[in-house]
Amino acid sequence: IAQADPAVEKANGVLTVHMGPEQIVAGLSLDF
């Protein structure tokens, strides 16, 4: 999804952690 955005040159990676079964916090590294 991040890579498909026209303002993003490259979606480098994502760090995620489950705060609950249906609750995820995501950190995106993006090269605009």
All heavy atoms as atom14 arrays in JSON, in Angstrom:
{
  "sequence": "IAQADPAVEKANGVLTVHMGPEQIVAGLSLDF",
  "atom14_mask": [
    [1, 1, 1, 1, 1, 1, 1, 1, 0, 0, 0, 0, 0, 0],
    [1, 1, 1, 1, 1, 0, 0, 0, 0, 0, 0, 0, 0, 0],
    [1, 1, 1, 1, 1, 1, 1, 1, 1, 0, 0, 0, 0, 0],
    [1, 1, 1, 1, 1, 0, 0, 0, 0, 0, 0, 0, 0, 0],
    [1, 1, 1, 1, 1, 1, 1, 1, 0, 0, 0, 0, 0, 0],
    [1, 1, 1, 1, 1, 1, 1, 0, 0, 0, 0, 0, 0, 0],
    [1, 1, 1, 1, 1, 0, 0, 0, 0, 0, 0, 0, 0, 0],
    [1, 1, 1, 1, 1, 1, 1, 0, 0, 0, 0, 0, 0, 0],
    [1, 1, 1, 1, 1, 1, 1, 1, 1, 0, 0, 0, 0, 0],
    [1, 1, 1, 1, 1, 1, 1, 1, 1, 0, 0, 0, 0, 0],
    [1, 1, 1, 1, 1, 0, 0, 0, 0, 0, 0, 0, 0, 0],
    [1, 1, 1, 1, 1, 1, 1, 1, 0, 0, 0, 0, 0, 0],
    [1, 1, 1, 1, 0, 0, 0, 0, 0, 0, 0, 0, 0, 0],
    [1, 1, 1, 1, 1, 1, 1, 0, 0, 0, 0, 0, 0, 0],
    [1, 1, 1, 1, 1, 1, 1, 1, 0, 0, 0, 0, 0, 0],
    [1, 1, 1, 1, 1, 1, 1, 0, 0, 0, 0, 0, 0, 0],
    [1, 1, 1, 1, 1, 1, 1, 0, 0, 0, 0, 0, 0, 0],
    [1, 1, 1, 1, 1, 1, 1, 1, 1, 1, 0, 0, 0, 0],
    [1, 1, 1, 1, 1, 1, 1, 1, 0, 0, 0, 0, 0, 0],
    [1, 1, 1, 1, 0, 0, 0, 0, 0, 0, 0, 0, 0, 0],
    [1, 1, 1, 1, 1, 1, 1, 0, 0, 0, 0, 0, 0, 0],
    [1, 1, 1, 1, 1, 1, 1, 1, 1, 0, 0, 0, 0, 0],
    [1, 1, 1, 1, 1, 1, 1, 1, 1, 0, 0, 0, 0, 0],
    [1, 1, 1, 1, 1, 1, 1, 1, 0, 0, 0, 0, 0, 0],
    [1, 1, 1, 1, 1, 1, 1, 0, 0, 0, 0, 0, 0, 0],
    [1, 1, 1, 1, 1, 0, 0, 0, 0, 0, 0, 0, 0, 0],
    [1, 1, 1, 1, 0, 0, 0, 0, 0, 0, 0, 0, 0, 0],
    [1, 1, 1, 1, 1, 1, 1, 1, 0, 0, 0, 0, 0, 0],
    [1, 1, 1, 1, 1, 1, 0, 0, 0, 0, 0, 0, 0, 0],
    [1, 1, 1, 1, 1, 1, 1, 1, 0, 0, 0, 0, 0, 0],
    [1, 1, 1, 1, 1, 1, 1, 1, 0, 0, 0, 0, 0, 0],
    [1, 1, 1, 1, 1, 1, 1, 1, 1, 1, 1, 0, 0, 0]
  ],
  "atom14_positions": [
    [[0.84, -1.21, 0.0], [0.0, 0.0, 0.0], [0.87, 1.25, 0.0], [0.61, 2.22, -0.73], [-0.94, -0.02, 1.22], [-2.0, -1.11, 1.04], [-1.62, 1.34, 1.41], [-2.87, -1.34, 2.26], [0.0, 0.0, 0.0], [0.0, 0.0, 0.0], [0.0, 0.0, 0.0], [0.0, 0.0, 0.0], [0.0, 0.0, 0.0], [0.0, 0.0, 0.0]],
    [[1.93, 1.24, 0.82], [2.83, 2.4, 0.87], [3.56, 2.59, -0.45], [3.69, 3.71, -0.95], [3.82, 2.23, 2.02], [0.0, 0.0, 0.0], [0.0, 0.0, 0.0], [0.0, 0.0, 0.0], [0.0, 0.0, 0.0], [0.0, 0.0, 0.0], [0.0, 0.0, 0.0], [0.0, 0.0, 0.0], [0.0, 0.0, 0.0], [0.0, 0.0, 0.0]],
    [[4.02, 1.49, -1.03], [4.77, 1.57, -2.28], [3.91, 2.09, -3.43], [4.42, 2.74, -4.36], [5.34, 0.19, -2.63], [6.25, 0.18, -3.85], [7.52, 0.99, -3.63], [8.35, 0.65, -2.8], [7.67, 2.09, -4.37], [0.0, 0.0, 0.0], [0.0, 0.0, 0.0], [0.0, 0.0, 0.0], [0.0, 0.0, 0.0], [0.0, 0.0, 0.0]],
    [[2.62, 1.84, -3.38], [1.72, 2.25, -4.47], [1.42, 3.75, -4.45], [0.88, 4.28, -5.44], [0.41, 1.47, -4.39], [0.0, 0.0, 0.0], [0.0, 0.0, 0.0], [0.0, 0.0, 0.0], [0.0, 0.0, 0.0], [0.0, 0.0, 0.0], [0.0, 0.0, 0.0], [0.0, 0.0, 0.0], [0.0, 0.0, 0.0], [0.0, 0.0, 0.0]],
    [[1.76, 4.45, -3.37], [1.47, 5.88, -3.31], [2.41, 6.65, -4.24], [3.62, 6.4, -4.25], [1.63, 6.39, -1.87], [1.05, 7.77, -1.69], [1.74, 8.76, -2.03], [-0.1, 7.87, -1.23], [0.0, 0.0, 0.0], [0.0, 0.0, 0.0], [0.0, 0.0, 0.0], [0.0, 0.0, 0.0], [0.0, 0.0, 0.0], [0.0, 0.0, 0.0]],
    [[1.88, 7.58, -5.02], [2.72, 8.31, -5.99], [3.82, 9.17, -5.36], [4.81, 9.5, -6.04], [1.71, 9.18, -6.74], [0.53, 9.3, -5.82], [0.48, 8.01, -5.1], [0.0, 0.0, 0.0], [0.0, 0.0, 0.0], [0.0, 0.0, 0.0], [0.0, 0.0, 0.0], [0.0, 0.0, 0.0], [0.0, 0.0, 0.0], [0.0, 0.0, 0.0]],
    [[3.68, 9.52, -4.09], [4.7, 10.34, -3.45], [5.85, 9.52, -2.87], [6.83, 10.08, -2.39], [4.06, 11.18, -2.33], [0.0, 0.0, 0.0], [0.0, 0.0, 0.0], [0.0, 0.0, 0.0], [0.0, 0.0, 0.0], [0.0, 0.0, 0.0], [0.0, 0.0, 0.0], [0.0, 0.0, 0.0], [0.0, 0.0, 0.0], [0.0, 0.0, 0.0]],
    [[5.74, 8.2, -2.91], [6.75, 7.31, -2.32], [7.65, 6.74, -3.41], [7.17, 6.08, -4.35], [6.08, 6.16, -1.53], [7.13, 5.19, -1.01], [5.26, 6.73, -0.38], [0.0, 0.0, 0.0], [0.0, 0.0, 0.0], [0.0, 0.0, 0.0], [0.0, 0.0, 0.0], [0.0, 0.0, 0.0], [0.0, 0.0, 0.0], [0.0, 0.0, 0.0]],
    [[8.94, 7.04, -3.3], [9.92, 6.46, -4.22], [10.15, 4.98, -3.91], [10.17, 4.15, -4.8], [11.24, 7.22, -4.1], [12.36, 6.7, -4.99], [12.11, 7.03, -6.46], [11.4, 8.03, -6.74], [12.62, 6.29, -7.33], [0.0, 0.0, 0.0], [0.0, 0.0, 0.0], [0.0, 0.0, 0.0], [0.0, 0.0, 0.0], [0.0, 0.0, 0.0]],
    [[10.32, 4.69, -2.61], [10.52, 3.3, -2.19], [10.06, 3.11, -0.76], [10.41, 3.91, 0.12], [12.0, 2.9, -2.32], [12.29, 1.47, -1.89], [13.73, 1.11, -2.1], [14.06, -0.28, -1.58], [13.21, -1.33, -2.19], [0.0, 0.0, 0.0], [0.0, 0.0, 0.0], [0.0, 0.0, 0.0], [0.0, 0.0, 0.0], [0.0, 0.0, 0.0]],
    [[9.26, 2.07, -0.54], [8.89, 1.68, 0.82], [9.99, 0.75, 1.32], [10.07, -0.42, 0.91], [7.54, 0.98, 0.83], [0.0, 0.0, 0.0], [0.0, 0.0, 0.0], [0.0, 0.0, 0.0], [0.0, 0.0, 0.0], [0.0, 0.0, 0.0], [0.0, 0.0, 0.0], [0.0, 0.0, 0.0], [0.0, 0.0, 0.0], [0.0, 0.0, 0.0]],
    [[10.86, 1.27, 2.18], [12.05, 0.52, 2.6], [11.72, -0.69, 3.47], [12.28, -1.77, 3.3], [13.0, 1.45, 3.37], [13.41, 2.65, 2.56], [13.72, 2.53, 1.38], [13.4, 3.82, 3.19], [0.0, 0.0, 0.0], [0.0, 0.0, 0.0], [0.0, 0.0, 0.0], [0.0, 0.0, 0.0], [0.0, 0.0, 0.0], [0.0, 0.0, 0.0]],
    [[10.82, -0.5, 4.4], [10.49, -1.58, 5.32], [9.45, -1.13, 6.33], [9.09, 0.05, 6.39], [0.0, 0.0, 0.0], [0.0, 0.0, 0.0], [0.0, 0.0, 0.0], [0.0, 0.0, 0.0], [0.0, 0.0, 0.0], [0.0, 0.0, 0.0], [0.0, 0.0, 0.0], [0.0, 0.0, 0.0], [0.0, 0.0, 0.0], [0.0, 0.0, 0.0]],
    [[8.96, -2.07, 7.11], [7.96, -1.77, 8.12], [8.28, -2.58, 9.38], [8.68, -3.74, 9.31], [6.54, -2.1, 7.61], [6.4, -3.59, 7.25], [5.49, -1.7, 8.65], [0.0, 0.0, 0.0], [0.0, 0.0, 0.0], [0.0, 0.0, 0.0], [0.0, 0.0, 0.0], [0.0, 0.0, 0.0], [0.0, 0.0, 0.0], [0.0, 0.0, 0.0]],
    [[8.13, -1.93, 10.52], [8.25, -2.58, 11.82], [6.88, -2.6, 12.46], [6.2, -1.57, 12.49], [9.24, -1.85, 12.73], [10.65, -1.67, 12.16], [11.52, -0.89, 13.15], [11.29, -3.01, 11.84], [0.0, 0.0, 0.0], [0.0, 0.0, 0.0], [0.0, 0.0, 0.0], [0.0, 0.0, 0.0], [0.0, 0.0, 0.0], [0.0, 0.0, 0.0]],
    [[6.46, -3.75, 12.94], [5.12, -3.87, 13.51], [5.18, -4.56, 14.86], [6.11, -5.31, 15.15], [4.2, -4.7, 12.58], [4.78, -6.0, 12.38], [4.01, -4.01, 11.24], [0.0, 0.0, 0.0], [0.0, 0.0, 0.0], [0.0, 0.0, 0.0], [0.0, 0.0, 0.0], [0.0, 0.0, 0.0], [0.0, 0.0, 0.0], [0.0, 0.0, 0.0]],
    [[4.17, -4.3, 15.67], [4.03, -4.99, 16.95], [2.54, -5.12, 17.26], [1.78, -4.17, 17.04], [4.77, -4.25, 18.08], [4.19, -2.87, 18.31], [4.74, -5.06, 19.37], [0.0, 0.0, 0.0], [0.0, 0.0, 0.0], [0.0, 0.0, 0.0], [0.0, 0.0, 0.0], [0.0, 0.0, 0.0], [0.0, 0.0, 0.0], [0.0, 0.0, 0.0]],
    [[2.15, -6.29, 17.75], [0.76, -6.52, 18.13], [0.54, -5.99, 19.54], [1.17, -6.43, 20.49], [0.44, -8.02, 18.09], [-0.17, -8.46, 16.79], [-1.52, -8.43, 16.56], [0.39, -8.94, 15.67], [-1.77, -8.88, 15.34], [-0.61, -9.19, 14.77], [0.0, 0.0, 0.0], [0.0, 0.0, 0.0], [0.0, 0.0, 0.0], [0.0, 0.0, 0.0]],
    [[-0.41, -5.05, 19.66], [-0.84, -4.57, 20.96], [-2.03, -5.38, 21.46], [-2.44, -5.27, 22.62], [-1.2, -3.09, 20.89], [-0.09, -2.21, 20.36], [1.44, -2.33, 21.33], [0.91, -1.65, 22.89], [0.0, 0.0, 0.0], [0.0, 0.0, 0.0], [0.0, 0.0, 0.0], [0.0, 0.0, 0.0], [0.0, 0.0, 0.0], [0.0, 0.0, 0.0]],
    [[-2.62, -6.17, 20.58], [-3.76, -7.02, 20.86], [-4.01, -7.87, 19.63], [-3.37, -7.67, 18.59], [0.0, 0.0, 0.0], [0.0, 0.0, 0.0], [0.0, 0.0, 0.0], [0.0, 0.0, 0.0], [0.0, 0.0, 0.0], [0.0, 0.0, 0.0], [0.0, 0.0, 0.0], [0.0, 0.0, 0.0], [0.0, 0.0, 0.0], [0.0, 0.0, 0.0]],
    [[-4.93, -8.84, 19.71], [-5.19, -9.69, 18.55], [-5.54, -8.93, 17.28], [-5.13, -9.31, 16.18], [-6.38, -10.55, 19.01], [-6.26, -10.57, 20.5], [-5.73, -9.23, 20.88], [0.0, 0.0, 0.0], [0.0, 0.0, 0.0], [0.0, 0.0, 0.0], [0.0, 0.0, 0.0], [0.0, 0.0, 0.0], [0.0, 0.0, 0.0], [0.0, 0.0, 0.0]],
    [[-6.29, -7.83, 17.41], [-6.7, -7.03, 16.24], [-6.18, -5.6, 16.34], [-6.8, -4.68, 15.81], [-8.24, -7.03, 16.13], [-8.86, -8.4, 16.02], [-8.48, -9.11, 14.72], [-8.22, -8.4, 13.73], [-8.44, -10.36, 14.71], [0.0, 0.0, 0.0], [0.0, 0.0, 0.0], [0.0, 0.0, 0.0], [0.0, 0.0, 0.0], [0.0, 0.0, 0.0]],
    [[-5.05, -5.4, 17.01], [-4.48, -4.06, 17.18], [-2.99, -4.11, 16.88], [-2.21, -4.68, 17.64], [-4.72, -3.55, 18.6], [-6.19, -3.42, 18.97], [-6.39, -3.07, 20.44], [-5.43, -2.8, 21.15], [-7.62, -3.08, 20.89], [0.0, 0.0, 0.0], [0.0, 0.0, 0.0], [0.0, 0.0, 0.0], [0.0, 0.0, 0.0], [0.0, 0.0, 0.0]],
    [[-2.61, -3.52, 15.75], [-1.22, -3.51, 15.3], [-0.73, -2.08, 15.18], [-1.41, -1.23, 14.6], [-1.07, -4.22, 13.94], [-1.53, -5.68, 14.03], [0.38, -4.16, 13.45], [-1.58, -6.38, 12.69], [0.0, 0.0, 0.0], [0.0, 0.0, 0.0], [0.0, 0.0, 0.0], [0.0, 0.0, 0.0], [0.0, 0.0, 0.0], [0.0, 0.0, 0.0]],
    [[0.45, -1.81, 15.72], [1.12, -0.53, 15.54], [2.22, -0.74, 14.5], [3.02, -1.67, 14.62], [1.72, -0.01, 16.85], [2.54, 1.25, 16.6], [0.61, 0.26, 17.86], [0.0, 0.0, 0.0], [0.0, 0.0, 0.0], [0.0, 0.0, 0.0], [0.0, 0.0, 0.0], [0.0, 0.0, 0.0], [0.0, 0.0, 0.0], [0.0, 0.0, 0.0]],
    [[2.24, 0.1, 13.47], [3.2, -0.06, 12.37], [4.07, 1.18, 12.24], [3.59, 2.32, 12.35], [2.45, -0.31, 11.06], [0.0, 0.0, 0.0], [0.0, 0.0, 0.0], [0.0, 0.0, 0.0], [0.0, 0.0, 0.0], [0.0, 0.0, 0.0], [0.0, 0.0, 0.0], [0.0, 0.0, 0.0], [0.0, 0.0, 0.0], [0.0, 0.0, 0.0]],
    [[5.36, 0.97, 12.0], [6.3, 2.06, 11.72], [6.88, 1.86, 10.33], [7.51, 0.84, 10.05], [0.0, 0.0, 0.0], [0.0, 0.0, 0.0], [0.0, 0.0, 0.0], [0.0, 0.0, 0.0], [0.0, 0.0, 0.0], [0.0, 0.0, 0.0], [0.0, 0.0, 0.0], [0.0, 0.0, 0.0], [0.0, 0.0, 0.0], [0.0, 0.0, 0.0]],
    [[6.64, 2.81, 9.44], [7.07, 2.7, 8.04], [8.31, 3.54, 7.79], [8.38, 4.7, 8.22], [5.95, 3.16, 7.11], [4.86, 2.16, 6.77], [3.66, 2.87, 6.15], [5.39, 1.1, 5.81], [0.0, 0.0, 0.0], [0.0, 0.0, 0.0], [0.0, 0.0, 0.0], [0.0, 0.0, 0.0], [0.0, 0.0, 0.0], [0.0, 0.0, 0.0]],
    [[9.29, 2.95, 7.11], [10.43, 3.7, 6.62], [10.21, 3.95, 5.13], [10.16, 2.99, 4.33], [11.73, 2.91, 6.84], [12.81, 3.52, 6.16], [0.0, 0.0, 0.0], [0.0, 0.0, 0.0], [0.0, 0.0, 0.0], [0.0, 0.0, 0.0], [0.0, 0.0, 0.0], [0.0, 0.0, 0.0], [0.0, 0.0, 0.0], [0.0, 0.0, 0.0]],
    [[10.07, 5.22, 4.74], [9.74, 5.56, 3.36], [10.78, 6.52, 2.77], [11.21, 7.47, 3.43], [8.36, 6.21, 3.28], [7.18, 5.41, 3.83], [5.88, 6.19, 3.66], [7.07, 4.05, 3.15], [0.0, 0.0, 0.0], [0.0, 0.0, 0.0], [0.0, 0.0, 0.0], [0.0, 0.0, 0.0], [0.0, 0.0, 0.0], [0.0, 0.0, 0.0]],
    [[11.14, 6.24, 1.53], [12.0, 7.14, 0.76], [11.09, 7.87, -0.21], [10.57, 7.29, -1.17], [13.06, 6.33, 0.01], [14.11, 7.22, -0.65], [13.97, 8.45, -0.55], [15.04, 6.68, -1.27], [0.0, 0.0, 0.0], [0.0, 0.0, 0.0], [0.0, 0.0, 0.0], [0.0, 0.0, 0.0], [0.0, 0.0, 0.0], [0.0, 0.0, 0.0]],
    [[10.84, 9.17, 0.06], [9.92, 9.93, -0.77], [10.6, 10.4, -2.06], [11.84, 10.44, -2.15], [9.39, 11.13, 0.02], [8.48, 10.76, 1.15], [8.97, 10.63, 2.45], [7.13, 10.51, 0.93], [8.14, 10.27, 3.49], [6.29, 10.16, 1.98], [6.79, 10.04, 3.25], [0.0, 0.0, 0.0], [0.0, 0.0, 0.0], [0.0, 0.0, 0.0]]
  ]
}
